[in-house]
Amino acid sequence: MSGLRVAFPDTRKTYCFDAFPSIDKVSKVASPVLVIHGTEDEVIDFSHGLAMYERCPRAVEPLWVEGAGHNDIELYAQYLERLKQFISIELPTS
Protein backbone atom coordinates (compact mmCIF):
# COMPACT_ATOMS: atom_id res chain seq x y z
CA MET A 1 0.00 0.00 0.00
CA SER A 2 2.81 2.39 0.89
CA GLY A 3 6.33 2.44 2.26
CA LEU A 4 5.21 3.96 5.51
CA ARG A 5 2.46 1.39 5.95
CA VAL A 6 5.01 -1.40 5.57
CA ALA A 7 7.16 0.06 8.34
CA PHE A 8 4.22 1.13 10.52
CA PRO A 9 1.25 -1.20 9.86
CA ASP A 10 -1.21 0.84 11.92
CA THR A 11 -0.82 3.87 9.61
CA ARG A 12 -4.21 4.76 8.13
CA LYS A 13 -3.42 7.83 6.02
CA THR A 14 -0.75 8.93 3.59
CA TYR A 15 1.79 11.53 4.65
CA CYS A 16 3.74 13.79 2.29
CA PHE A 17 7.01 12.04 3.18
CA ASP A 18 5.76 8.55 2.26
CA ALA A 19 7.96 7.59 -0.71
CA PHE A 20 5.63 4.93 -2.14
CA PRO A 21 1.95 5.90 -1.73
CA SER A 22 0.74 3.24 -4.18
CA ILE A 23 -2.62 2.77 -2.44
CA ASP A 24 -3.53 6.37 -3.30
CA LYS A 25 -2.52 6.03 -6.94
CA VAL A 26 -3.86 2.62 -7.94
CA SER A 27 -7.41 3.89 -8.52
CA LYS A 28 -6.06 6.06 -11.37
CA VAL A 29 -4.43 3.21 -13.31
CA ALA A 30 -6.21 2.83 -16.66
CA SER A 31 -4.59 -0.39 -17.88
CA PRO A 32 -5.28 -3.92 -16.67
CA VAL A 33 -3.43 -4.79 -13.47
CA LEU A 34 -2.37 -8.20 -12.24
CA VAL A 35 -1.74 -8.34 -8.50
CA ILE A 36 0.49 -11.22 -7.39
CA HIS A 37 1.31 -11.73 -3.74
CA GLY A 38 2.63 -14.53 -1.57
CA THR A 39 0.49 -15.46 1.41
CA GLU A 40 3.59 -15.84 3.61
CA ASP A 41 5.40 -12.66 2.57
CA GLU A 42 7.59 -11.74 5.53
CA VAL A 43 8.44 -8.25 4.23
CA ILE A 44 5.16 -6.84 2.91
CA ASP A 45 2.10 -8.29 4.62
CA PHE A 46 -0.44 -10.10 2.46
CA SER A 47 -3.06 -7.51 3.43
CA HIS A 48 -1.21 -4.96 1.27
CA GLY A 49 -1.69 -7.05 -1.88
CA LEU A 50 -5.33 -7.62 -1.05
CA ALA A 51 -5.93 -3.90 -0.45
CA MET A 52 -4.25 -2.97 -3.75
CA TYR A 53 -6.41 -5.50 -5.60
CA GLU A 54 -9.61 -4.25 -3.97
CA ARG A 55 -8.87 -0.60 -4.85
CA CYS A 56 -7.77 -1.19 -8.43
CA PRO A 57 -10.58 -0.57 -10.93
CA ARG A 58 -8.92 -2.55 -13.74
CA ALA A 59 -7.63 -5.48 -11.70
CA VAL A 60 -7.85 -8.87 -13.33
CA GLU A 61 -8.10 -12.11 -11.36
CA PRO A 62 -5.24 -11.92 -8.83
CA LEU A 63 -2.76 -14.64 -7.98
CA TRP A 64 -2.38 -15.37 -4.29
CA VAL A 65 0.54 -17.81 -4.06
CA GLU A 66 -0.06 -20.02 -1.07
CA GLY A 67 3.09 -20.39 1.00
CA ALA A 68 5.21 -17.97 -1.06
CA GLY A 69 7.32 -15.38 0.69
CA HIS A 70 8.78 -12.11 -0.50
CA ASN A 71 11.83 -13.43 -2.36
CA ASP A 72 10.73 -16.84 -3.62
CA ILE A 73 7.42 -16.28 -5.39
CA GLU A 74 8.94 -16.85 -8.83
CA LEU A 75 9.86 -20.40 -7.80
CA TYR A 76 6.20 -21.41 -7.77
CA ALA A 77 4.92 -22.80 -11.09
CA GLN A 78 1.63 -20.89 -10.95
CA TYR A 79 3.55 -17.60 -10.91
CA LEU A 80 4.88 -17.97 -14.47
CA GLU A 81 1.67 -19.60 -15.70
CA ARG A 82 -0.46 -16.69 -14.47
CA LEU A 83 2.00 -14.10 -15.76
CA LYS A 84 1.96 -15.71 -19.23
CA GLN A 85 -1.85 -15.71 -19.25
CA PHE A 86 -1.94 -12.05 -18.30
CA ILE A 87 0.56 -11.01 -20.96
CA SER A 88 -0.76 -13.14 -23.80
CA ILE A 89 -4.53 -13.04 -23.19
CA GLU A 90 -5.67 -10.36 -20.76
CA LEU A 91 -3.45 -7.45 -21.84
CA PRO A 92 -4.12 -7.76 -25.60
CA THR A 93 -7.91 -7.81 -25.12
CA SER A 94 -7.99 -4.63 -23.08
PDB file of N, CA and C in Angstrom:
ATOM      1  N   MET A   1       0.810  -1.184   0.000  1.00  0.00           N
ATOM      2  CA  MET A   1       0.000   0.000   0.000  1.00  0.00           C
ATOM      3  C   MET A   1       0.859   1.255   0.000  1.00  0.00           C
ATOM      4  N   SER A   2       1.873   1.267   0.874  1.00  0.00           N
ATOM      5  CA  SER A   2       2.810   2.385   0.892  1.00  0.00           C
ATOM      6  C   SER A   2       4.026   2.006   1.724  1.00  0.00           C
ATOM      7  N   GLY A   3       5.116   2.709   1.500  1.00  0.00           N
ATOM      8  CA  GLY A   3       6.335   2.443   2.256  1.00  0.00           C
ATOM      9  C   GLY A   3       6.136   2.635   3.746  1.00  0.00           C
ATOM     10  N   LEU A   4       5.451   3.676   4.101  1.00  0.00           N
ATOM     11  CA  LEU A   4       5.212   3.964   5.512  1.00  0.00           C
ATOM     12  C   LEU A   4       4.322   2.901   6.161  1.00  0.00           C
ATOM     13  N   ARG A   5       3.351   2.412   5.420  1.00  0.00           N
ATOM     14  CA  ARG A   5       2.456   1.388   5.950  1.00  0.00           C
ATOM     15  C   ARG A   5       3.168   0.049   6.137  1.00  0.00           C
ATOM     16  N   VAL A   6       4.219  -0.196   5.370  1.00  0.00           N
ATOM     17  CA  VAL A   6       5.013  -1.404   5.573  1.00  0.00           C
ATOM     18  C   VAL A   6       5.770  -1.293   6.901  1.00  0.00           C
ATOM     19  N   ALA A   7       6.380  -0.152   7.118  1.00  0.00           N
ATOM     20  CA  ALA A   7       7.164   0.063   8.341  1.00  0.00           C
ATOM     21  C   ALA A   7       6.288   0.219   9.580  1.00  0.00           C
ATOM     22  N   PHE A   8       5.132   0.858   9.402  1.00  0.00           N
ATOM     23  CA  PHE A   8       4.219   1.133  10.521  1.00  0.00           C
ATOM     24  C   PHE A   8       2.820   0.661  10.129  1.00  0.00           C
ATOM     25  N   PRO A   9       2.510  -0.610  10.335  1.00  0.00           N
ATOM     26  CA  PRO A   9       1.253  -1.204   9.856  1.00  0.00           C
ATOM     27  C   PRO A   9      -0.033  -0.532  10.334  1.00  0.00           C
ATOM     28  N   ASP A  10       0.010   0.187  11.427  1.00  0.00           N
ATOM     29  CA  ASP A  10      -1.213   0.839  11.922  1.00  0.00           C
ATOM     30  C   ASP A  10      -1.495   2.181  11.252  1.00  0.00           C
ATOM     31  N   THR A  11      -0.635   2.599  10.325  1.00  0.00           N
ATOM     32  CA  THR A  11      -0.817   3.867   9.610  1.00  0.00           C
ATOM     33  C   THR A  11      -2.072   3.786   8.750  1.00  0.00           C
ATOM     34  N   ARG A  12      -2.940   4.764   8.870  1.00  0.00           N
ATOM     35  CA  ARG A  12      -4.210   4.759   8.134  1.00  0.00           C
ATOM     36  C   ARG A  12      -4.310   5.852   7.069  1.00  0.00           C
ATOM     37  N   LYS A  13      -3.373   6.780   7.041  1.00  0.00           N
ATOM     38  CA  LYS A  13      -3.424   7.827   6.023  1.00  0.00           C
ATOM     39  C   LYS A  13      -2.045   8.009   5.412  1.00  0.00           C
ATOM     40  N   THR A  14      -2.002   8.696   4.290  1.00  0.00           N
ATOM     41  CA  THR A  14      -0.753   8.929   3.592  1.00  0.00           C
ATOM     42  C   THR A  14      -0.183  10.285   3.990  1.00  0.00           C
ATOM     43  N   TYR A  15       1.094  10.294   4.295  1.00  0.00           N
ATOM     44  CA  TYR A  15       1.792  11.527   4.647  1.00  0.00           C
ATOM     45  C   TYR A  15       2.659  11.969   3.476  1.00  0.00           C
ATOM     46  N   CYS A  16       2.980  13.238   3.408  1.00  0.00           N
ATOM     47  CA  CYS A  16       3.744  13.788   2.287  1.00  0.00           C
ATOM     48  C   CYS A  16       5.136  13.176   2.160  1.00  0.00           C
ATOM     49  N   PHE A  17       5.673  12.617   3.217  1.00  0.00           N
ATOM     50  CA  PHE A  17       7.013  12.037   3.182  1.00  0.00           C
ATOM     51  C   PHE A  17       7.013  10.537   2.900  1.00  0.00           C
ATOM     52  N   ASP A  18       5.849   9.982   2.608  1.00  0.00           N
ATOM     53  CA  ASP A  18       5.760   8.555   2.259  1.00  0.00           C
ATOM     54  C   ASP A  18       6.229   8.395   0.817  1.00  0.00           C
ATOM     55  N   ALA A  19       7.340   7.698   0.619  1.00  0.00           N
ATOM     56  CA  ALA A  19       7.959   7.593  -0.705  1.00  0.00           C
ATOM     57  C   ALA A  19       7.151   6.757  -1.705  1.00  0.00           C
ATOM     58  N   PHE A  20       6.336   5.830  -1.228  1.00  0.00           N
ATOM     59  CA  PHE A  20       5.628   4.926  -2.138  1.00  0.00           C
ATOM     60  C   PHE A  20       4.136   4.851  -1.810  1.00  0.00           C
ATOM     61  N   PRO A  21       3.382   5.905  -2.061  1.00  0.00           N
ATOM     62  CA  PRO A  21       1.951   5.899  -1.727  1.00  0.00           C
ATOM     63  C   PRO A  21       1.087   5.206  -2.794  1.00  0.00           C
ATOM     64  N   SER A  22       1.411   3.984  -3.105  1.00  0.00           N
ATOM     65  CA  SER A  22       0.737   3.243  -4.178  1.00  0.00           C
ATOM     66  C   SER A  22      -0.767   3.114  -3.957  1.00  0.00           C
ATOM     67  N   ILE A  23      -1.195   2.961  -2.731  1.00  0.00           N
ATOM     68  CA  ILE A  23      -2.615   2.775  -2.442  1.00  0.00           C
ATOM     69  C   ILE A  23      -3.434   3.988  -2.881  1.00  0.00           C
ATOM     70  N   ASP A  24      -2.829   5.163  -2.883  1.00  0.00           N
ATOM     71  CA  ASP A  24      -3.532   6.373  -3.303  1.00  0.00           C
ATOM     72  C   ASP A  24      -3.526   6.563  -4.817  1.00  0.00           C
ATOM     73  N   LYS A  25      -2.658   5.859  -5.500  1.00  0.00           N
ATOM     74  CA  LYS A  25      -2.517   6.029  -6.943  1.00  0.00           C
ATOM     75  C   LYS A  25      -3.187   4.934  -7.764  1.00  0.00           C
ATOM     76  N   VAL A  26      -3.393   3.775  -7.176  1.00  0.00           N
ATOM     77  CA  VAL A  26      -3.857   2.621  -7.939  1.00  0.00           C
ATOM     78  C   VAL A  26      -5.234   2.846  -8.564  1.00  0.00           C
ATOM     79  N   SER A  27      -6.077   3.644  -7.961  1.00  0.00           N
ATOM     80  CA  SER A  27      -7.410   3.887  -8.518  1.00  0.00           C
ATOM     81  C   SER A  27      -7.353   4.676  -9.828  1.00  0.00           C
ATOM     82  N   LYS A  28      -6.215   5.262 -10.143  1.00  0.00           N
ATOM     83  CA  LYS A  28      -6.059   6.058 -11.368  1.00  0.00           C
ATOM     84  C   LYS A  28      -5.443   5.263 -12.523  1.00  0.00           C
ATOM     85  N   VAL A  29      -5.060   4.027 -12.282  1.00  0.00           N
ATOM     86  CA  VAL A  29      -4.432   3.207 -13.315  1.00  0.00           C
ATOM     87  C   VAL A  29      -5.492   2.792 -14.336  1.00  0.00           C
ATOM     88  N   ALA A  30      -5.237   3.091 -15.596  1.00  0.00           N
ATOM     89  CA  ALA A  30      -6.212   2.830 -16.656  1.00  0.00           C
ATOM     90  C   ALA A  30      -5.999   1.500 -17.372  1.00  0.00           C
ATOM     91  N   SER A  31      -4.865   0.887 -17.208  1.00  0.00           N
ATOM     92  CA  SER A  31      -4.590  -0.386 -17.881  1.00  0.00           C
ATOM     93  C   SER A  31      -4.913  -1.556 -16.951  1.00  0.00           C
ATOM     94  N   PRO A  32      -5.044  -2.751 -17.508  1.00  0.00           N
ATOM     95  CA  PRO A  32      -5.281  -3.915 -16.665  1.00  0.00           C
ATOM     96  C   PRO A  32      -4.116  -4.124 -15.693  1.00  0.00           C
ATOM     97  N   VAL A  33      -4.437  -4.589 -14.512  1.00  0.00           N
ATOM     98  CA  VAL A  33      -3.431  -4.785 -13.466  1.00  0.00           C
ATOM     99  C   VAL A  33      -3.555  -6.195 -12.916  1.00  0.00           C
ATOM    100  N   LEU A  34      -2.428  -6.877 -12.852  1.00  0.00           N
ATOM    101  CA  LEU A  34      -2.367  -8.204 -12.243  1.00  0.00           C
ATOM    102  C   LEU A  34      -1.645  -8.068 -10.914  1.00  0.00           C
ATOM    103  N   VAL A  35      -2.342  -8.368  -9.832  1.00  0.00           N
ATOM    104  CA  VAL A  35      -1.741  -8.337  -8.502  1.00  0.00           C
ATOM    105  C   VAL A  35      -1.337  -9.759  -8.151  1.00  0.00           C
ATOM    106  N   ILE A  36      -0.055  -9.926  -7.816  1.00  0.00           N
ATOM    107  CA  ILE A  36       0.487 -11.216  -7.394  1.00  0.00           C
ATOM    108  C   ILE A  36       1.115 -11.011  -6.027  1.00  0.00           C
ATOM    109  N   HIS A  37       0.755 -11.882  -5.089  1.00  0.00           N
ATOM    110  CA  HIS A  37       1.307 -11.728  -3.741  1.00  0.00           C
ATOM    111  C   HIS A  37       1.388 -13.084  -3.064  1.00  0.00           C
ATOM    112  N   GLY A  38       2.468 -13.315  -2.350  1.00  0.00           N
ATOM    113  CA  GLY A  38       2.628 -14.534  -1.573  1.00  0.00           C
ATOM    114  C   GLY A  38       1.898 -14.426  -0.245  1.00  0.00           C
ATOM    115  N   THR A  39       1.253 -15.494   0.164  1.00  0.00           N
ATOM    116  CA  THR A  39       0.492 -15.462   1.412  1.00  0.00           C
ATOM    117  C   THR A  39       1.390 -15.449   2.644  1.00  0.00           C
ATOM    118  N   GLU A  40       2.652 -15.805   2.474  1.00  0.00           N
ATOM    119  CA  GLU A  40       3.588 -15.842   3.608  1.00  0.00           C
ATOM    120  C   GLU A  40       4.703 -14.811   3.447  1.00  0.00           C
ATOM    121  N   ASP A  41       4.401 -13.708   2.773  1.00  0.00           N
ATOM    122  CA  ASP A  41       5.397 -12.656   2.572  1.00  0.00           C
ATOM    123  C   ASP A  41       5.798 -12.078   3.925  1.00  0.00           C
ATOM    124  N   GLU A  42       7.075 -12.187   4.238  1.00  0.00           N
ATOM    125  CA  GLU A  42       7.590 -11.737   5.531  1.00  0.00           C
ATOM    126  C   GLU A  42       8.046 -10.281   5.520  1.00  0.00           C
ATOM    127  N   VAL A  43       8.028  -9.641   4.351  1.00  0.00           N
ATOM    128  CA  VAL A  43       8.444  -8.246   4.228  1.00  0.00           C
ATOM    129  C   VAL A  43       7.235  -7.322   4.084  1.00  0.00           C
ATOM    130  N   ILE A  44       6.368  -7.637   3.140  1.00  0.00           N
ATOM    131  CA  ILE A  44       5.157  -6.844   2.907  1.00  0.00           C
ATOM    132  C   ILE A  44       3.961  -7.753   3.168  1.00  0.00           C
ATOM    133  N   ASP A  45       3.213  -7.443   4.200  1.00  0.00           N
ATOM    134  CA  ASP A  45       2.103  -8.286   4.620  1.00  0.00           C
ATOM    135  C   ASP A  45       1.111  -8.535   3.484  1.00  0.00           C
ATOM    136  N   PHE A  46       0.529  -9.709   3.474  1.00  0.00           N
ATOM    137  CA  PHE A  46      -0.439 -10.103   2.458  1.00  0.00           C
ATOM    138  C   PHE A  46      -1.595  -9.105   2.343  1.00  0.00           C
ATOM    139  N   SER A  47      -1.956  -8.478   3.433  1.00  0.00           N
ATOM    140  CA  SER A  47      -3.060  -7.514   3.427  1.00  0.00           C
ATOM    141  C   SER A  47      -2.801  -6.357   2.466  1.00  0.00           C
ATOM    142  N   HIS A  48      -1.542  -6.038   2.203  1.00  0.00           N
ATOM    143  CA  HIS A  48      -1.208  -4.964   1.268  1.00  0.00           C
ATOM    144  C   HIS A  48      -1.608  -5.358  -0.158  1.00  0.00           C
ATOM    145  N   GLY A  49      -1.299  -6.569  -0.553  1.00  0.00           N
ATOM    146  CA  GLY A  49      -1.688  -7.048  -1.880  1.00  0.00           C
ATOM    147  C   GLY A  49      -3.190  -7.083  -2.044  1.00  0.00           C
ATOM    148  N   LEU A  50      -3.873  -7.547  -1.017  1.00  0.00           N
ATOM    149  CA  LEU A  50      -5.329  -7.615  -1.046  1.00  0.00           C
ATOM    150  C   LEU A  50      -5.943  -6.216  -1.155  1.00  0.00           C
ATOM    151  N   ALA A  51      -5.425  -5.273  -0.398  1.00  0.00           N
ATOM    152  CA  ALA A  51      -5.933  -3.896  -0.455  1.00  0.00           C
ATOM    153  C   ALA A  51      -5.700  -3.270  -1.825  1.00  0.00           C
ATOM    154  N   MET A  52      -4.531  -3.515  -2.419  1.00  0.00           N
ATOM    155  CA  MET A  52      -4.246  -2.969  -3.751  1.00  0.00           C
ATOM    156  C   MET A  52      -5.229  -3.546  -4.773  1.00  0.00           C
ATOM    157  N   TYR A  53      -5.469  -4.849  -4.691  1.00  0.00           N
ATOM    158  CA  TYR A  53      -6.415  -5.503  -5.599  1.00  0.00           C
ATOM    159  C   TYR A  53      -7.818  -4.912  -5.441  1.00  0.00           C
ATOM    160  N   GLU A  54      -8.252  -4.742  -4.226  1.00  0.00           N
ATOM    161  CA  GLU A  54      -9.605  -4.247  -3.969  1.00  0.00           C
ATOM    162  C   GLU A  54      -9.804  -2.806  -4.435  1.00  0.00           C
ATOM    163  N   ARG A  55      -8.755  -2.013  -4.451  1.00  0.00           N
ATOM    164  CA  ARG A  55      -8.866  -0.600  -4.847  1.00  0.00           C
ATOM    165  C   ARG A  55      -8.582  -0.354  -6.321  1.00  0.00           C
ATOM    166  N   CYS A  56      -8.146  -1.365  -7.021  1.00  0.00           N
ATOM    167  CA  CYS A  56      -7.768  -1.190  -8.425  1.00  0.00           C
ATOM    168  C   CYS A  56      -8.965  -1.434  -9.339  1.00  0.00           C
ATOM    169  N   PRO A  57      -9.400  -0.420 -10.078  1.00  0.00           N
ATOM    170  CA  PRO A  57     -10.583  -0.571 -10.925  1.00  0.00           C
ATOM    171  C   PRO A  57     -10.399  -1.507 -12.119  1.00  0.00           C
ATOM    172  N   ARG A  58      -9.176  -1.701 -12.565  1.00  0.00           N
ATOM    173  CA  ARG A  58      -8.916  -2.548 -13.736  1.00  0.00           C
ATOM    174  C   ARG A  58      -8.191  -3.836 -13.368  1.00  0.00           C
ATOM    175  N   ALA A  59      -8.313  -4.253 -12.132  1.00  0.00           N
ATOM    176  CA  ALA A  59      -7.631  -5.478 -11.702  1.00  0.00           C
ATOM    177  C   ALA A  59      -8.261  -6.701 -12.363  1.00  0.00           C
ATOM    178  N   VAL A  60      -7.406  -7.580 -12.825  1.00  0.00           N
ATOM    179  CA  VAL A  60      -7.851  -8.872 -13.332  1.00  0.00           C
ATOM    180  C   VAL A  60      -7.768  -9.859 -12.169  1.00  0.00           C
ATOM    181  N   GLU A  61      -8.148 -11.096 -12.414  1.00  0.00           N
ATOM    182  CA  GLU A  61      -8.105 -12.109 -11.363  1.00  0.00           C
ATOM    183  C   GLU A  61      -6.701 -12.164 -10.763  1.00  0.00           C
ATOM    184  N   PRO A  62      -6.573 -11.957  -9.453  1.00  0.00           N
ATOM    185  CA  PRO A  62      -5.236 -11.923  -8.833  1.00  0.00           C
ATOM    186  C   PRO A  62      -4.659 -13.325  -8.671  1.00  0.00           C
ATOM    187  N   LEU A  63      -3.406 -13.366  -8.321  1.00  0.00           N
ATOM    188  CA  LEU A  63      -2.762 -14.643  -7.979  1.00  0.00           C
ATOM    189  C   LEU A  63      -2.241 -14.533  -6.559  1.00  0.00           C
ATOM    190  N   TRP A  64      -2.847 -15.281  -5.676  1.00  0.00           N
ATOM    191  CA  TRP A  64      -2.376 -15.372  -4.294  1.00  0.00           C
ATOM    192  C   TRP A  64      -1.611 -16.685  -4.204  1.00  0.00           C
ATOM    193  N   VAL A  65      -0.310 -16.607  -4.055  1.00  0.00           N
ATOM    194  CA  VAL A  65       0.539 -17.811  -4.062  1.00  0.00           C
ATOM    195  C   VAL A  65       0.670 -18.338  -2.643  1.00  0.00           C
ATOM    196  N   GLU A  66      -0.044 -19.400  -2.384  1.00  0.00           N
ATOM    197  CA  GLU A  66      -0.064 -20.021  -1.067  1.00  0.00           C
ATOM    198  C   GLU A  66       1.331 -20.488  -0.667  1.00  0.00           C
ATOM    199  N   GLY A  67       1.798 -19.986   0.464  1.00  0.00           N
ATOM    200  CA  GLY A  67       3.095 -20.387   1.003  1.00  0.00           C
ATOM    201  C   GLY A  67       4.282 -19.580   0.502  1.00  0.00           C
ATOM    202  N   ALA A  68       4.088 -18.747  -0.511  1.00  0.00           N
ATOM    203  CA  ALA A  68       5.211 -17.975  -1.063  1.00  0.00           C
ATOM    204  C   ALA A  68       5.548 -16.795  -0.161  1.00  0.00           C
ATOM    205  N   GLY A  69       6.838 -16.519  -0.083  1.00  0.00           N
ATOM    206  CA  GLY A  69       7.317 -15.381   0.688  1.00  0.00           C
ATOM    207  C   GLY A  69       7.616 -14.206  -0.225  1.00  0.00           C
ATOM    208  N   HIS A  70       8.477 -13.320   0.247  1.00  0.00           N
ATOM    209  CA  HIS A  70       8.784 -12.109  -0.502  1.00  0.00           C
ATOM    210  C   HIS A  70       9.806 -12.342  -1.623  1.00  0.00           C
ATOM    211  N   ASN A  71      10.732 -13.235  -1.403  1.00  0.00           N
ATOM    212  CA  ASN A  71      11.825 -13.432  -2.364  1.00  0.00           C
ATOM    213  C   ASN A  71      11.846 -14.794  -3.037  1.00  0.00           C
ATOM    214  N   ASP A  72      10.740 -15.517  -2.982  1.00  0.00           N
ATOM    215  CA  ASP A  72      10.731 -16.838  -3.618  1.00  0.00           C
ATOM    216  C   ASP A  72       9.490 -17.096  -4.468  1.00  0.00           C
ATOM    217  N   ILE A  73       8.691 -16.098  -4.688  1.00  0.00           N
ATOM    218  CA  ILE A  73       7.421 -16.284  -5.389  1.00  0.00           C
ATOM    219  C   ILE A  73       7.616 -16.794  -6.822  1.00  0.00           C
ATOM    220  N   GLU A  74       8.699 -16.411  -7.447  1.00  0.00           N
ATOM    221  CA  GLU A  74       8.938 -16.847  -8.829  1.00  0.00           C
ATOM    222  C   GLU A  74       9.304 -18.331  -8.922  1.00  0.00           C
ATOM    223  N   LEU A  75       9.546 -18.965  -7.818  1.00  0.00           N
ATOM    224  CA  LEU A  75       9.863 -20.398  -7.799  1.00  0.00           C
ATOM    225  C   LEU A  75       8.607 -21.271  -7.869  1.00  0.00           C
ATOM    226  N   TYR A  76       7.459 -20.689  -7.721  1.00  0.00           N
ATOM    227  CA  TYR A  76       6.195 -21.414  -7.774  1.00  0.00           C
ATOM    228  C   TYR A  76       5.688 -21.432  -9.211  1.00  0.00           C
ATOM    229  N   ALA A  77       5.316 -22.618  -9.691  1.00  0.00           N
ATOM    230  CA  ALA A  77       4.917 -22.799 -11.091  1.00  0.00           C
ATOM    231  C   ALA A  77       3.749 -21.891 -11.491  1.00  0.00           C
ATOM    232  N   GLN A  78       2.796 -21.703 -10.597  1.00  0.00           N
ATOM    233  CA  GLN A  78       1.630 -20.892 -10.945  1.00  0.00           C
ATOM    234  C   GLN A  78       1.979 -19.429 -11.200  1.00  0.00           C
ATOM    235  N   TYR A  79       3.102 -18.981 -10.692  1.00  0.00           N
ATOM    236  CA  TYR A  79       3.547 -17.597 -10.915  1.00  0.00           C
ATOM    237  C   TYR A  79       3.762 -17.345 -12.409  1.00  0.00           C
ATOM    238  N   LEU A  80       4.603 -18.153 -13.036  1.00  0.00           N
ATOM    239  CA  LEU A  80       4.876 -17.969 -14.467  1.00  0.00           C
ATOM    240  C   LEU A  80       3.659 -18.265 -15.323  1.00  0.00           C
ATOM    241  N   GLU A  81       2.874 -19.264 -14.937  1.00  0.00           N
ATOM    242  CA  GLU A  81       1.672 -19.597 -15.699  1.00  0.00           C
ATOM    243  C   GLU A  81       0.700 -18.420 -15.715  1.00  0.00           C
ATOM    244  N   ARG A  82       0.483 -17.818 -14.565  1.00  0.00           N
ATOM    245  CA  ARG A  82      -0.460 -16.693 -14.467  1.00  0.00           C
ATOM    246  C   ARG A  82       0.084 -15.463 -15.188  1.00  0.00           C
ATOM    247  N   LEU A  83       1.381 -15.232 -15.079  1.00  0.00           N
ATOM    248  CA  LEU A  83       2.003 -14.104 -15.764  1.00  0.00           C
ATOM    249  C   LEU A  83       1.879 -14.255 -17.281  1.00  0.00           C
ATOM    250  N   LYS A  84       2.108 -15.454 -17.793  1.00  0.00           N
ATOM    251  CA  LYS A  84       1.962 -15.708 -19.234  1.00  0.00           C
ATOM    252  C   LYS A  84       0.532 -15.469 -19.695  1.00  0.00           C
ATOM    253  N   GLN A  85      -0.437 -15.916 -18.911  1.00  0.00           N
ATOM    254  CA  GLN A  85      -1.850 -15.711 -19.252  1.00  0.00           C
ATOM    255  C   GLN A  85      -2.181 -14.227 -19.302  1.00  0.00           C
ATOM    256  N   PHE A  86      -1.690 -13.497 -18.339  1.00  0.00           N
ATOM    257  CA  PHE A  86      -1.944 -12.054 -18.299  1.00  0.00           C
ATOM    258  C   PHE A  86      -1.363 -11.357 -19.530  1.00  0.00           C
ATOM    259  N   ILE A  87      -0.117 -11.669 -19.847  1.00  0.00           N
ATOM    260  CA  ILE A  87       0.560 -11.005 -20.965  1.00  0.00           C
ATOM    261  C   ILE A  87      -0.013 -11.408 -22.315  1.00  0.00           C
ATOM    262  N   SER A  88      -0.330 -12.674 -22.495  1.00  0.00           N
ATOM    263  CA  SER A  88      -0.760 -13.137 -23.804  1.00  0.00           C
ATOM    264  C   SER A  88      -2.271 -13.023 -24.046  1.00  0.00           C
ATOM    265  N   ILE A  89      -3.072 -13.036 -22.993  1.00  0.00           N
ATOM    266  CA  ILE A  89      -4.526 -13.041 -23.189  1.00  0.00           C
ATOM    267  C   ILE A  89      -5.199 -11.787 -22.654  1.00  0.00           C
ATOM    268  N   GLU A  90      -4.941 -11.445 -21.407  1.00  0.00           N
ATOM    269  CA  GLU A  90      -5.673 -10.361 -20.764  1.00  0.00           C
ATOM    270  C   GLU A  90      -5.217  -8.961 -21.193  1.00  0.00           C
ATOM    271  N   LEU A  91      -3.933  -8.768 -21.385  1.00  0.00           N
ATOM    272  CA  LEU A  91      -3.448  -7.452 -21.836  1.00  0.00           C
ATOM    273  C   LEU A  91      -3.896  -7.135 -23.268  1.00  0.00           C
ATOM    274  N   PRO A  92      -3.746  -8.071 -24.218  1.00  0.00           N
ATOM    275  CA  PRO A  92      -4.124  -7.757 -25.603  1.00  0.00           C
ATOM    276  C   PRO A  92      -5.608  -7.467 -25.787  1.00  0.00           C
ATOM    277  N   THR A  93      -6.476  -8.007 -24.933  1.00  0.00           N
ATOM    278  CA  THR A  93      -7.909  -7.808 -25.117  1.00  0.00           C
ATOM    279  C   THR A  93      -8.422  -6.559 -24.418  1.00  0.00           C
ATOM    280  N   SER A  94      -7.530  -5.814 -23.815  1.00  0.00           N
ATOM    281  CA  SER A  94      -7.987  -4.627 -23.077  1.00  0.00           C
ATOM    282  C   SER A  94      -8.090  -3.406 -23.977  1.00  0.00           C
TER     283      SER A  94
END
